Protein backbone atom coordinates (compact mmCIF):
# COMPACT_ATOMS: atom_id res chain seq x y z
CA MET A 1 68.42 169.78 -23.20
CA GLY A 2 65.39 170.14 -25.45
CA LEU A 3 63.80 166.68 -25.70
CA LEU A 4 61.60 166.39 -28.82
CA THR A 5 58.99 163.62 -28.85
CA GLU A 6 56.06 162.52 -30.99
CA GLY A 7 53.22 160.42 -29.61
CA GLY A 8 55.06 159.47 -26.42
CA TYR A 9 56.74 161.08 -23.41
CA PRO A 10 55.52 162.79 -21.24
CA TYR A 11 52.12 161.28 -22.08
CA ALA A 12 51.17 158.18 -20.14
CA THR A 13 50.55 156.21 -23.35
CA GLY A 14 52.52 156.02 -26.57
CA GLU A 15 55.89 155.00 -27.93
CA SER A 16 59.31 155.31 -26.26
CA GLY A 17 57.74 156.74 -23.11
CA LEU A 18 59.53 154.38 -20.74
CA TRP A 19 62.87 154.85 -22.50
CA CYS A 20 62.57 158.66 -22.37
CA ASP A 21 61.61 158.59 -18.70
CA ARG A 22 64.67 156.50 -17.86
CA LEU A 23 66.89 158.83 -19.88
CA VAL A 24 65.64 161.97 -18.16
CA ARG A 25 65.72 160.48 -14.66
CA GLY A 26 69.13 158.93 -15.25
CA LEU A 27 70.78 162.24 -16.19
CA PRO A 28 69.84 164.59 -13.31
CA GLN A 29 72.89 166.77 -13.95
CA HIS A 30 71.15 168.15 -17.05
CA ALA A 31 68.06 170.36 -17.14
CA PHE A 32 65.42 169.20 -19.63
CA ASP A 33 62.75 171.12 -21.52
CA LEU A 34 60.13 168.89 -23.16
CA PHE A 35 58.57 169.62 -26.56
CA ALA A 36 55.93 166.95 -27.17
CA LEU A 37 53.61 166.32 -30.13
CA SER A 38 50.47 164.30 -29.36
CA ARG A 39 48.77 162.01 -31.85
CA SER A 40 45.19 161.80 -30.59
CA ALA A 41 42.66 163.19 -28.15
CA TYR A 42 42.70 159.84 -26.34
CA GLN A 43 46.42 160.18 -25.66
CA GLU A 44 45.98 163.67 -24.25
CA ASP A 45 43.09 162.50 -22.06
CA GLN A 46 45.35 159.90 -20.42
CA GLY A 47 47.51 162.65 -18.93
CA TRP A 48 51.24 162.75 -18.23
CA VAL A 49 53.58 160.58 -16.25
CA GLU A 50 55.11 162.12 -13.13
CA LEU A 51 58.05 164.27 -14.19
CA PRO A 52 61.32 164.59 -12.24
CA HIS A 53 62.26 167.89 -10.63
CA HIS A 54 64.90 168.83 -13.22
CA VAL A 55 62.34 169.02 -16.03
CA GLY A 56 61.64 172.70 -16.60
CA ARG A 57 59.22 173.80 -19.31
CA VAL A 58 56.85 171.43 -21.04
CA ARG A 59 55.45 172.56 -24.38
CA THR A 60 52.85 170.39 -26.10
CA ALA A 61 51.03 170.62 -29.41
CA PRO A 62 48.59 168.27 -31.20
CA LEU A 63 49.37 166.66 -34.54
CA TRP A 64 45.67 165.89 -34.92
CA THR A 65 42.44 167.80 -35.44
CA PRO A 66 38.87 166.57 -34.83
CA GLU A 67 38.18 166.37 -38.57
CA ASP A 68 41.22 164.24 -39.46
CA GLY A 69 39.31 160.97 -39.41
CA THR A 70 36.45 162.26 -41.52
CA LEU A 71 38.85 163.98 -43.87
CA ARG A 72 40.54 160.72 -44.77
CA GLY A 73 37.22 158.99 -45.31
CA SER A 74 35.64 161.69 -47.47
CA GLY A 75 35.10 161.61 -51.17
CA GLU A 76 36.08 164.31 -53.64
CA ARG A 77 33.26 166.67 -52.64
CA GLY A 78 33.98 166.30 -48.91
CA LEU A 79 37.71 166.85 -49.38
CA LEU A 80 37.19 169.95 -51.49
CA ALA A 81 34.70 171.40 -49.01
CA ARG A 82 37.08 170.91 -46.10
CA LEU A 83 40.07 172.31 -47.98
CA VAL A 84 38.30 175.46 -49.13
CA THR A 85 36.45 176.11 -45.84
CA GLY A 86 37.50 179.35 -44.20
CA GLY A 87 38.70 181.12 -47.34
CA GLY A 88 42.00 179.25 -47.32
CA VAL A 89 44.50 182.11 -47.10
CA SER A 90 44.71 185.17 -44.88
CA TYR A 91 47.95 186.44 -46.43
CA GLY A 92 48.41 189.68 -48.29
CA ARG A 93 49.49 189.76 -51.92
CA ARG A 94 53.23 189.63 -51.17
CA ASP A 95 52.87 186.77 -48.70
CA ARG A 96 50.65 184.87 -51.12
CA LYS A 97 53.41 185.08 -53.72
CA ARG A 98 55.95 183.83 -51.17
CA PHE A 99 53.70 180.93 -50.21
CA ALA A 100 53.09 179.95 -53.84
CA ALA A 101 56.80 180.08 -54.66
CA HIS A 102 57.87 177.95 -51.71
CA LEU A 103 55.08 175.41 -52.15
CA THR A 104 55.87 175.16 -55.88
CA ALA A 105 59.48 174.28 -55.04
CA LEU A 106 58.33 171.65 -52.53
CA ALA A 107 55.74 170.16 -54.92
CA THR A 108 58.26 170.05 -57.77
CA ALA A 109 60.68 168.09 -55.57
CA LEU A 110 57.95 165.61 -54.63
CA CYS A 111 56.65 165.10 -58.18
CA ALA A 112 60.05 164.84 -59.88
CA ALA A 113 61.05 161.50 -61.37
CA GLU A 114 63.49 159.67 -59.13
CA ASP A 115 67.00 159.33 -60.49
CA PRO A 116 68.76 156.22 -59.11
CA ARG A 117 72.09 158.02 -59.50
CA THR A 118 71.05 160.79 -57.10
CA ASP A 119 72.74 160.72 -53.72
CA PRO A 120 70.09 161.37 -51.01
CA ALA A 121 72.74 162.77 -48.69
CA THR A 122 73.64 165.68 -50.97
CA ASP A 123 70.65 166.38 -53.20
CA GLY A 124 67.89 168.30 -51.45
CA GLY A 125 67.83 171.67 -53.20
CA LEU A 126 64.20 172.18 -54.18
CA PHE A 127 62.87 170.29 -51.17
CA THR A 128 64.89 172.29 -48.63
CA GLU A 129 64.13 175.55 -50.45
CA GLY A 130 60.41 174.94 -50.21
CA PHE A 131 60.47 173.36 -46.74
CA TYR A 132 62.47 176.10 -45.00
CA GLY A 133 60.72 178.82 -47.00
CA LEU A 134 57.36 177.68 -45.69
CA ALA A 135 58.80 177.45 -42.18
CA GLU A 136 60.09 181.04 -42.31
CA LEU A 137 56.77 182.27 -43.67
CA ALA A 138 54.87 180.48 -40.89
CA ARG A 139 57.21 181.92 -38.26
CA GLU A 140 56.86 185.47 -39.54
CA ARG A 141 53.20 185.56 -40.60
CA GLY A 142 51.46 182.43 -39.34
CA GLY A 143 48.47 181.16 -41.29
CA LEU A 144 50.22 178.19 -42.90
CA HIS A 145 47.48 175.82 -41.75
CA LEU A 146 44.82 177.68 -43.72
CA ALA A 147 47.05 178.28 -46.72
CA LEU A 148 47.85 174.58 -47.12
CA ARG A 149 44.12 173.82 -47.03
CA SER A 150 43.35 176.31 -49.80
CA GLU A 151 42.50 175.68 -53.43
CA THR A 152 45.84 177.26 -54.33
CA THR A 153 47.63 174.24 -52.88
CA VAL A 154 45.62 171.85 -55.05
CA ARG A 155 46.37 173.88 -58.17
CA ILE A 156 50.10 173.98 -57.42
CA LEU A 157 50.18 170.20 -56.91
CA GLU A 158 48.29 169.66 -60.15
CA ALA A 159 50.67 171.91 -62.07
CA ALA A 160 53.75 170.21 -60.59
CA SER A 161 52.47 166.74 -61.55
CA ARG A 162 52.02 167.86 -65.17
CA ALA A 163 55.30 169.77 -65.45
CA PRO A 164 58.21 168.41 -67.56
CA GLY A 165 60.32 166.03 -65.50
CA ALA A 166 57.48 164.78 -63.31
CA GLY A 167 57.44 161.08 -62.53
CA ARG A 168 55.05 158.71 -64.23
CA THR A 169 53.14 157.98 -61.03
CA ALA A 170 52.69 161.69 -60.29
CA GLN A 171 51.50 162.32 -63.85
CA GLY A 172 48.67 159.85 -63.33
CA ALA A 173 47.26 161.69 -60.28
CA THR A 174 43.62 162.76 -60.47
CA VAL A 175 41.87 165.68 -58.81
CA VAL A 176 40.88 163.41 -55.92
CA ASP A 177 44.54 162.42 -55.50
CA HIS A 178 45.62 166.05 -55.38
CA LEU A 179 42.96 166.84 -52.80
CA ALA A 180 44.10 163.95 -50.61
CA THR A 181 47.78 164.92 -51.06
CA ALA A 182 47.01 168.52 -50.04
CA ALA A 183 45.22 167.30 -46.90
CA GLU A 184 48.10 164.99 -45.95
CA LEU A 185 50.73 167.67 -46.60
CA GLU A 186 48.87 170.01 -44.28
CA ARG A 187 48.92 167.30 -41.62
CA VAL A 188 52.62 166.40 -41.88
CA LEU A 189 53.68 170.08 -42.06
CA ARG A 190 51.80 171.13 -38.92
CA PRO A 191 55.02 171.36 -36.86
CA LEU A 192 56.09 174.29 -39.07
CA SER A 193 53.26 176.41 -37.63
CA LEU A 194 54.09 175.91 -33.94
CA ASP A 195 54.95 178.85 -31.69
CA TRP A 196 58.04 177.10 -30.35
CA TYR A 197 60.54 178.91 -32.58
CA ALA A 198 61.42 181.88 -30.38
CA PRO A 199 64.64 182.82 -28.54
CA GLU A 200 63.01 182.07 -25.17
CA SER A 201 61.69 178.67 -26.32
CA LEU A 202 63.71 176.33 -28.53
CA GLY A 203 66.26 179.08 -29.01
CA ALA A 204 67.13 178.88 -25.31
CA VAL A 205 68.21 175.22 -25.22
CA ASP A 206 71.80 174.05 -25.67
CA LEU A 207 70.99 170.82 -27.52
CA CYS A 208 67.89 169.42 -29.25
CA HIS A 209 67.46 165.67 -28.84
CA ALA A 210 64.79 164.17 -31.12
CA VAL A 211 63.86 160.69 -29.93
CA SER A 212 62.64 159.71 -33.41
CA GLY A 213 62.77 160.94 -36.97
CA GLY A 214 59.81 162.32 -38.87
CA ALA A 215 57.62 164.94 -37.20
CA ALA A 216 59.57 164.90 -33.91
CA ALA A 217 62.75 166.01 -35.71
CA ILE A 218 61.13 168.95 -37.55
CA PRO A 219 61.33 171.33 -34.54
CA GLY A 220 64.97 170.35 -34.19
CA LEU A 221 65.66 171.20 -37.84
CA LEU A 222 64.12 174.64 -37.41
CA ALA A 223 65.91 175.27 -34.09
CA LYS A 224 69.19 174.64 -35.86
CA ARG A 225 68.28 176.85 -38.82
CA PHE A 226 66.94 179.79 -36.78
CA PHE A 227 69.23 179.67 -33.71
CA GLY A 228 72.13 177.32 -34.51
CA VAL A 229 71.13 174.77 -31.85
CA PRO A 230 72.84 171.39 -32.54
CA LEU A 231 70.56 168.43 -33.24
CA LEU A 232 70.88 164.85 -31.95
CA VAL A 233 68.57 162.22 -33.46
CA THR A 234 67.87 158.84 -31.87
CA GLU A 235 65.94 156.19 -33.79
CA HIS A 236 65.09 152.74 -32.48
CA ASP A 237 63.10 152.19 -35.67
CA VAL A 238 63.38 154.17 -38.91
CA GLN A 239 60.32 156.36 -39.46
CA LEU A 240 60.63 156.04 -43.23
CA ARG A 241 60.57 152.24 -42.95
CA ALA A 242 57.50 152.45 -40.70
CA HIS A 243 55.80 154.67 -43.29
CA HIS A 244 56.53 152.14 -46.05
CA LEU A 245 55.14 149.30 -43.94
CA SER A 246 51.91 151.18 -43.20
CA ALA A 247 51.44 152.56 -46.73
CA PRO A 248 49.46 149.57 -48.13
CA ASP A 249 46.80 150.11 -45.44
CA ALA A 250 46.36 153.82 -46.23
CA PRO A 251 43.04 154.72 -47.92
CA PHE A 252 44.80 156.43 -50.84
CA GLY A 253 45.64 155.66 -54.43
CA ALA A 254 49.13 154.92 -55.75
CA PRO A 255 49.93 158.56 -56.70
CA VAL A 256 49.19 159.83 -53.18
CA ARG A 257 51.24 157.06 -51.58
CA ALA A 258 54.14 157.78 -53.93
CA LEU A 259 54.13 161.53 -53.22
CA LEU A 260 53.94 161.00 -49.46
CA ALA A 261 56.72 158.41 -49.60
CA ARG A 262 58.87 160.90 -51.50
CA PHE A 263 58.16 163.57 -48.87
CA HIS A 264 59.17 161.30 -45.99
CA ALA A 265 62.30 160.18 -47.86
CA GLN A 266 63.36 163.78 -48.50
CA LEU A 267 62.60 164.74 -44.90
CA ALA A 268 64.64 161.82 -43.55
CA ALA A 269 67.59 162.76 -45.77
CA GLU A 270 67.45 166.38 -44.54
CA VAL A 271 67.28 165.28 -40.90
CA TYR A 272 70.37 163.11 -41.35
CA ARG A 273 72.18 165.92 -43.18
CA GLN A 274 71.58 168.46 -40.42
CA ALA A 275 72.03 166.21 -37.37
CA ALA A 276 75.29 166.61 -35.52
CA LEU A 277 75.01 162.94 -34.56
CA VAL A 278 72.56 160.12 -35.29
CA THR A 279 72.25 157.29 -32.76
CA PRO A 280 70.50 154.22 -34.21
CA GLY A 281 69.29 151.62 -31.75
CA SER A 282 70.76 148.71 -33.72
CA THR A 283 72.88 147.87 -36.73
CA HIS A 284 69.69 147.02 -38.60
CA VAL A 285 68.44 150.60 -38.13
CA ARG A 286 71.92 151.92 -38.92
CA ARG A 287 71.87 150.29 -42.35
CA TRP A 288 68.42 151.71 -43.08
CA GLN A 289 69.61 155.19 -42.15
CA GLN A 290 72.59 154.91 -44.47
CA ARG A 291 70.28 153.94 -47.33
CA CYS A 292 68.27 157.09 -46.57
CA GLY A 293 71.33 159.34 -46.68
CA ALA A 294 72.92 159.22 -43.22
CA ASP A 295 76.67 159.79 -43.07
CA PRO A 296 78.37 156.76 -41.44
CA ALA A 297 80.91 159.13 -39.85
CA ARG A 298 78.09 160.78 -37.87
CA GLN A 299 76.38 157.58 -36.72
CA ARG A 300 76.90 155.88 -33.38
CA THR A 301 74.93 152.78 -32.42
CA VAL A 302 73.44 152.94 -28.90
CA HIS A 303 71.27 150.01 -27.91
CA PRO A 304 68.11 150.91 -25.95
CA GLY A 305 68.54 150.20 -22.27
CA MET A 306 66.17 147.94 -20.35
CA ALA A 307 65.69 147.37 -16.63
CA ALA A 308 67.46 144.08 -15.93
CA GLU A 309 66.48 144.06 -12.25
CA ARG A 310 62.86 143.26 -13.20
CA PHE A 311 64.01 139.83 -14.36
CA ALA A 312 66.79 139.15 -11.86
CA SER A 313 64.66 136.92 -9.65
CA VAL A 314 64.02 134.56 -12.57
CA GLY A 315 67.39 134.85 -14.30
CA GLU A 316 69.34 133.97 -11.15
CA ARG A 317 67.29 130.88 -10.30
CA ASP A 318 68.52 127.36 -10.87
CA ASP A 319 65.03 126.46 -12.13
CA ALA A 320 65.15 126.07 -15.92
CA GLY A 321 61.37 126.35 -16.30
CA GLY A 322 58.96 123.84 -17.77
CA PRO A 323 61.12 121.35 -19.70
CA ASP A 324 58.36 120.64 -22.25
CA THR A 325 56.89 124.15 -22.45
CA LEU A 326 57.36 126.81 -25.13
CA VAL A 327 56.57 130.43 -24.17
CA TRP A 328 55.57 133.31 -26.40
CA ALA A 329 54.98 136.81 -24.94
CA GLY A 330 54.09 140.08 -26.62
CA ARG A 331 51.34 142.03 -28.31
CA ILE A 332 49.06 139.83 -30.41
CA GLU A 333 48.95 141.29 -33.93
CA PRO A 334 49.53 140.05 -37.51
CA ALA A 335 53.17 141.16 -37.57
CA LYS A 336 53.94 138.61 -34.81
CA ASP A 337 52.74 135.76 -37.07
CA LEU A 338 51.17 133.55 -34.42
CA ILE A 339 49.56 131.58 -37.25
CA ALA A 340 52.97 130.26 -38.31
CA LEU A 341 53.80 129.53 -34.65
CA LEU A 342 50.63 127.44 -34.22
CA HIS A 343 51.35 125.43 -37.37
CA ALA A 344 54.93 124.90 -36.20
CA PHE A 345 53.71 123.70 -32.82
CA ALA A 346 51.54 121.12 -34.56
CA GLU A 347 54.74 119.51 -35.85
CA VAL A 348 56.35 119.85 -32.42
CA ARG A 349 53.44 117.91 -30.89
CA ARG A 350 53.92 115.07 -33.35
CA ALA A 351 57.55 114.72 -32.26
CA GLU A 352 57.00 115.57 -28.57
CA PRO A 353 53.45 114.64 -27.48
CA ASP A 354 53.86 116.19 -24.01
CA ALA A 355 54.88 119.62 -25.32
CA ARG A 356 52.84 122.71 -24.40
CA LEU A 357 52.64 126.23 -25.81
CA ARG A 358 51.71 129.12 -23.51
CA ILE A 359 50.91 132.43 -25.22
CA PHE A 360 50.96 135.53 -22.99
CA GLY A 361 49.71 138.81 -24.37
CA VAL A 362 46.89 141.16 -25.21
CA PRO A 363 45.58 142.03 -28.66
CA ALA A 364 46.60 145.19 -30.45
CA GLU A 365 44.25 148.17 -30.14
CA GLY A 366 41.26 148.35 -32.44
CA GLU A 367 38.99 145.86 -34.15
CA GLU A 368 41.84 144.36 -36.18
CA GLY A 369 43.68 143.22 -33.04
CA ALA A 370 40.58 141.59 -31.55
CA ALA A 371 39.77 139.88 -34.85
CA TYR A 372 43.31 138.51 -35.14
CA LEU A 373 43.19 137.11 -31.59
CA ALA A 374 39.85 135.43 -32.33
CA HIS A 375 41.32 133.91 -35.49
CA CYS A 376 44.32 132.55 -33.57
CA ARG A 377 42.08 131.03 -30.90
CA ALA A 378 39.92 129.38 -33.53
CA LEU A 379 42.95 127.92 -35.31
CA ALA A 380 44.38 126.59 -32.03
CA ALA A 381 41.05 124.95 -31.15
CA ARG A 382 40.95 123.30 -34.57
CA LEU A 383 44.57 122.08 -34.55
CA PHE A 384 44.64 121.04 -30.88
CA PRO A 385 41.33 119.75 -29.49
CA ASP A 386 41.03 119.64 -25.73
CA GLU A 387 42.53 116.48 -24.25
CA ALA A 388 41.32 114.74 -21.10
CA ALA A 389 43.19 112.19 -18.96
CA GLY A 390 40.05 110.09 -18.43
CA ALA A 391 36.37 109.79 -19.14
CA HIS A 392 35.41 111.94 -16.15
CA ALA A 393 38.21 114.56 -16.36
CA GLU A 394 38.01 117.99 -17.88
CA GLY A 395 39.75 118.41 -21.22
CA VAL A 396 42.69 120.83 -21.45
CA GLY A 397 44.31 121.90 -24.70
CA PRO A 398 48.10 122.02 -25.15
CA VAL A 399 47.87 125.64 -26.34
CA THR A 400 46.67 128.32 -23.91
CA PHE A 401 46.11 132.07 -24.36
CA GLU A 402 46.78 133.79 -21.04
CA GLU A 403 47.06 137.27 -19.58
CA ILE A 404 49.72 138.54 -17.22
CA GLY A 405 48.64 139.81 -13.80
CA VAL A 406 46.73 136.80 -12.48
CA PRO A 407 47.92 135.14 -9.25
CA GLU A 408 49.62 132.28 -11.14
CA VAL A 409 51.54 134.69 -13.41
CA PRO A 410 51.80 138.04 -11.60
CA ASP A 411 54.34 139.68 -13.93
CA LEU A 412 56.20 139.27 -17.19
CA ALA A 413 59.24 137.65 -15.57
CA GLU A 414 57.09 134.86 -14.16
CA ALA A 415 55.54 134.35 -17.60
CA TYR A 416 58.98 133.62 -19.07
CA ALA A 417 59.75 131.41 -16.06
CA THR A 418 56.92 129.01 -16.97
CA GLY A 419 58.78 127.67 -20.01
CA GLY A 420 62.17 126.28 -20.90
CA VAL A 421 62.27 127.81 -24.41
CA SER A 422 61.15 131.29 -25.48
CA VAL A 423 59.91 131.69 -29.06
CA LEU A 424 59.75 134.75 -31.33
CA SER A 425 57.89 134.16 -34.62
CA SER A 426 57.61 137.71 -36.03
CA VAL A 427 57.73 138.62 -39.71
CA VAL A 428 58.36 142.32 -38.94
CA GLU A 429 60.40 143.50 -35.98
CA GLY A 430 62.50 146.53 -35.10
CA PHE A 431 64.42 146.09 -31.87
CA PRO A 432 63.10 142.84 -30.31
CA VAL A 433 62.33 143.93 -26.76
CA GLY A 434 60.63 140.63 -25.88
CA LEU A 435 63.70 138.71 -26.98
CA VAL A 436 65.95 140.75 -24.68
CA GLU A 437 63.52 140.20 -21.79
CA SER A 438 63.70 136.43 -22.23
CA MET A 439 67.51 136.68 -22.38
CA PHE A 440 67.50 138.53 -19.04
CA CYS A 441 65.50 135.59 -17.67
CA GLY A 442 68.19 133.14 -18.82
CA ARG A 443 65.98 131.32 -21.32
CA ALA A 444 67.12 129.61 -24.51
CA THR A 445 65.44 131.23 -27.53
CA VAL A 446 64.23 130.33 -31.01
CA SER A 447 63.70 133.40 -33.19
CA THR A 448 62.98 134.35 -36.78
CA ASP A 449 65.61 136.29 -38.71
CA VAL A 450 63.92 139.71 -38.88
CA GLY A 451 64.94 143.21 -37.81
CA ALA A 452 67.76 143.31 -35.26
CA VAL A 453 67.23 139.73 -34.01
CA VAL A 454 70.58 138.35 -35.17
CA GLU A 455 72.43 141.36 -33.76
CA VAL A 456 70.69 141.00 -30.39
CA ILE A 457 70.92 137.25 -30.02
CA GLY A 458 74.53 136.90 -31.20
CA GLY A 459 75.34 133.22 -30.91
CA THR A 460 73.22 132.56 -27.83
CA GLY A 461 70.08 131.23 -29.52
CA LEU A 462 68.69 129.54 -32.61
CA VAL A 463 67.58 131.67 -35.58
CA VAL A 464 65.37 130.45 -38.44
CA PRO A 465 63.89 132.11 -41.55
CA PRO A 466 60.54 133.91 -41.11
CA ARG A 467 57.31 132.36 -42.43
CA ASN A 468 58.83 128.87 -42.21
CA PRO A 469 56.85 126.76 -39.69
CA ARG A 470 58.88 123.62 -40.40
CA ALA A 471 62.22 125.29 -39.60
CA LEU A 472 60.70 126.87 -36.48
CA ALA A 473 59.41 123.48 -35.34
CA GLU A 474 62.75 121.72 -35.90
CA ALA A 475 64.62 124.32 -33.85
CA CYS A 476 62.12 124.04 -30.98
CA ILE A 477 62.31 120.23 -31.01
CA ALA A 478 66.13 120.37 -30.92
CA LEU A 479 66.11 122.45 -27.74
CA LEU A 480 63.29 120.54 -26.05
CA ARG A 481 65.26 117.30 -26.46
CA ASP A 482 68.57 118.72 -25.17
CA PRO A 483 68.28 120.22 -21.64
CA GLU A 484 72.05 120.74 -21.31
CA ARG A 485 72.14 122.81 -24.49
CA ARG A 486 69.17 124.81 -23.26
CA ALA A 487 70.99 125.62 -20.04
CA ARG A 488 74.19 126.66 -21.84
CA LEU A 489 72.36 128.91 -24.28
CA GLY A 490 70.24 130.45 -21.53
CA ALA A 491 73.26 131.33 -19.40
CA ALA A 492 75.09 132.80 -22.40
CA ALA A 493 72.01 134.82 -23.41
CA ARG A 494 71.67 136.33 -19.94
CA ALA A 495 75.36 137.27 -19.84
CA ARG A 496 75.10 138.95 -23.25
CA ALA A 497 71.99 140.90 -22.30
CA LEU A 498 73.55 142.15 -19.05
CA GLU A 499 76.60 143.33 -20.99
CA LEU A 500 74.87 145.14 -23.86
CA PHE A 501 71.25 146.02 -23.14
CA THR A 502 71.00 147.51 -19.65
CA VAL A 503 69.84 150.98 -18.67
CA GLU A 504 73.27 151.75 -17.24
CA GLN A 505 75.12 151.29 -20.53
CA ASN A 506 72.51 153.38 -22.34
CA LEU A 507 72.80 156.25 -19.86
CA ALA A 508 76.60 156.15 -19.95
CA ALA A 509 76.54 156.45 -23.74
CA PHE A 510 74.21 159.45 -23.80
CA ARG A 511 76.00 161.11 -20.92
CA GLY A 512 79.15 161.17 -23.02
CA ILE A 513 77.31 162.15 -26.21
CA TYR A 514 75.62 165.15 -24.56
CA LEU A 515 78.92 166.50 -23.25
CA GLU A 516 80.66 165.87 -26.55
CA LEU A 517 78.08 167.71 -28.66
CA ILE A 518 77.80 170.65 -26.27
CA SER A 519 81.57 171.01 -26.12
CA HIS A 520 81.70 171.42 -29.91
CA ALA A 521 78.74 173.82 -30.11
CA PRO A 522 79.50 177.54 -30.46
CA VAL A 523 79.03 179.67 -27.36
CA ARG A 524 75.78 181.68 -27.54
CA ARG A 525 75.79 184.79 -25.33
CA GLU A 526 72.86 187.01 -24.46
CA ALA A 527 72.87 190.53 -25.87
CA ASP A 528 72.99 192.20 -22.45
CA ALA A 529 75.97 190.10 -21.34
CA VAL A 530 78.50 191.35 -23.93
CA ASP A 531 80.16 194.68 -24.53
CA ALA A 532 80.36 196.67 -27.74
CA HIS A 533 83.08 194.36 -29.09
CA GLY A 534 81.13 191.15 -28.38
CA GLU A 535 83.29 190.21 -25.39
CA PRO A 536 81.61 188.95 -22.19
CA LEU A 537 81.02 191.47 -19.40
CA LEU A 538 82.42 190.60 -16.01
CA PHE A 539 79.71 189.49 -13.55
CA ALA A 540 76.94 190.20 -16.10
CA THR A 541 75.23 186.95 -15.07
CA PRO A 542 75.03 186.15 -11.34
CA ALA A 543 76.23 182.75 -10.23
CA GLU A 544 72.75 181.86 -8.98
CA ALA A 545 71.52 181.80 -12.58
CA ARG A 546 73.39 178.53 -13.07
CA LEU A 547 71.24 176.71 -10.50
CA LEU A 548 68.45 174.43 -11.71
CA GLY A 549 64.98 175.82 -11.13
CA HIS A 550 64.18 179.05 -9.28
CA TRP A 551 67.12 179.81 -7.04
CA THR A 552 65.06 182.12 -4.77
CA HIS A 553 62.63 179.31 -3.87
CA PRO A 554 63.37 176.75 -1.14
CA GLN A 555 64.84 173.57 -2.56
CA PRO A 556 63.00 170.24 -2.04
CA PRO A 557 64.54 167.69 0.33
CA ALA A 558 67.05 165.28 -1.18
CA THR A 559 65.00 162.26 -0.11
CA GLY A 560 61.35 161.55 0.50
CA PRO A 561 58.28 162.68 -1.40
CA ARG A 562 57.98 166.24 -2.62
CA VAL A 563 55.16 168.02 -0.75
CA PRO A 564 53.63 171.07 -2.41
CA SER A 565 53.57 174.23 -0.35
CA TRP A 566 49.78 174.30 -0.14
CA ALA A 567 49.75 170.78 1.41
CA ALA A 568 52.53 171.26 3.97
CA GLY A 569 50.09 172.06 6.79
CA ALA A 570 51.29 175.61 7.47
CA GLU A 571 50.50 178.85 5.74
CA PRO A 572 53.30 179.29 3.19
CA GLU A 573 55.03 182.60 2.99
CA PRO A 574 55.04 184.26 -0.41
CA ALA A 575 58.26 183.57 -2.25
CA PRO A 576 60.29 186.65 -3.05
CA VAL A 577 60.29 187.73 -6.67
CA PRO A 578 63.63 186.85 -8.24
CA VAL A 579 65.53 189.91 -9.37
CA ARG A 580 68.66 189.49 -11.40
CA VAL A 581 70.61 192.68 -11.89
CA PRO A 582 73.79 192.70 -13.95
CA VAL A 583 76.58 193.89 -11.69
CA ARG A 584 79.80 195.47 -12.76
CA VAL A 585 82.53 195.53 -10.17
CA PRO A 586 85.02 198.34 -10.81
CA VAL A 587 88.60 197.23 -10.42
CA ARG A 588 91.28 199.86 -9.87
CA VAL A 589 94.76 198.79 -10.90
CA CYS A 590 97.65 200.59 -9.24
CA ALA A 591 101.02 200.50 -10.90
CA ALA A 592 103.83 199.51 -8.54
CA THR A 593 106.78 201.89 -8.75
CA GLY A 594 109.98 201.88 -6.78
CA GLY A 595 111.11 205.23 -5.25
CA ALA A 596 114.47 206.27 -3.91
CA GLY A 597 113.59 204.89 -0.54
CA GLY A 598 112.37 201.57 -2.02
CA GLY A 599 108.73 202.21 -0.87
CA ASP A 600 105.74 200.38 -2.32
CA ALA A 601 102.94 202.18 -4.16
């Protein structure tokens, strides 16, 4: 299995790392090769997680360069200097013509006016012509990185935006917009220039499994085009939706954002067209994929699996938690809308004066996360001044911001155990992991209707509209005043989570999907293992070749830690060099004939 990742596994930090690790460790009957794209130098500096023994090759490549940050912050002069640096193109005349033709097709597809009658699942002619043409040129000649940073790219984009049929937004692009678009296209097309597209690399795997769309799926597209390797795409959140959500924060004008959005939309449609199967993590993601061109017949919803045993100690207790305490846990960022939660809790306090709100989490990375946490603390201090029981007692506020890992709250399960009601107040959410965690703990929940919340919660919790503090407050008050209802909902939530969202059900689903896709894939035989008519040669491949790893090396023990040979305490003997020689066994067939005496031949 070729596992394709972007900004995650096997790196110690990033997205979907834990899910990928559980998938690989849970399917030891398959050999895995990892093809990972990193997003930053910081991520690479954090190293890898420990890999299981059935992971073979690991190929990594950066999606970043040291000048990316300065490139986005440069003006027109800085952008032009960086694009033209190095002469731009090292191709000969024929290759320059090929590059210009393919990039013109791609730019025309991006600048064309959108037709609402166009079906994204079937219309991708110019985009695919340019995309795969550039990929073939990069595979044969290399140099795509420099060519996309050349002045030729800017001129082609400018000509495409002024051509008949171009959209109104593209027609309004300036030279600065074209420079920024060229820089961003070079960045998003970097996977085309990788050295992974060889018969002994991606061509040697039986199935490519991209754990997200976007850049992670590009190597899978090219593996299918060059070698016929089937592609499986898993998305717990739609990359195109994530791009749309982050677009307002990008330091670009409207024309650049429109062209990049068109590129990601066309790429998503091509990924869904070529994938043998698409596995969304929820019905919410499934609907998004269908809007982007996915065929419902080739979709299969597989919920991400989570480790239920981490929360068993809390979920199986009879303790229902603090009867007057609301708990919120997660990463503190604007999308979680803690401001609305604090205003809602102000109304809860008016109805239930003894109520408390405990917020567990850390701010998002960067200055924005720290600023948002400071704003939330300031609002809580203003809405809820510290209260003291007497004139000589220390004041304590009803709202606390706490971290997990202290002696009172050693882990996440104990954080959920401190309250009787778990609250989710997000305005943007994909698959609500925190909600599932609270369900494993047997807690009644109040959630906003965003993302896959309704699908996850079923009928085991209360759901209110987002950005509505009054509705959020009323739902919390209803559960705080009814302990029997809290207990019923908590028990039902835990039963639902154990049925649908465990690691075991996730592994069972992908175990069947892997076997299904491989069984339908055409058999690919090596050239030295077939005869002149394309039929397999007897004993051309020794049976030992089917073993995982190097069959001439001693196998590690089934249990206990793996000790490297240099640390075993004795001088290791050199391992013999594996030699695999195709063997033909001659078989002589004797015809049995009956003589006059009835003898056997």
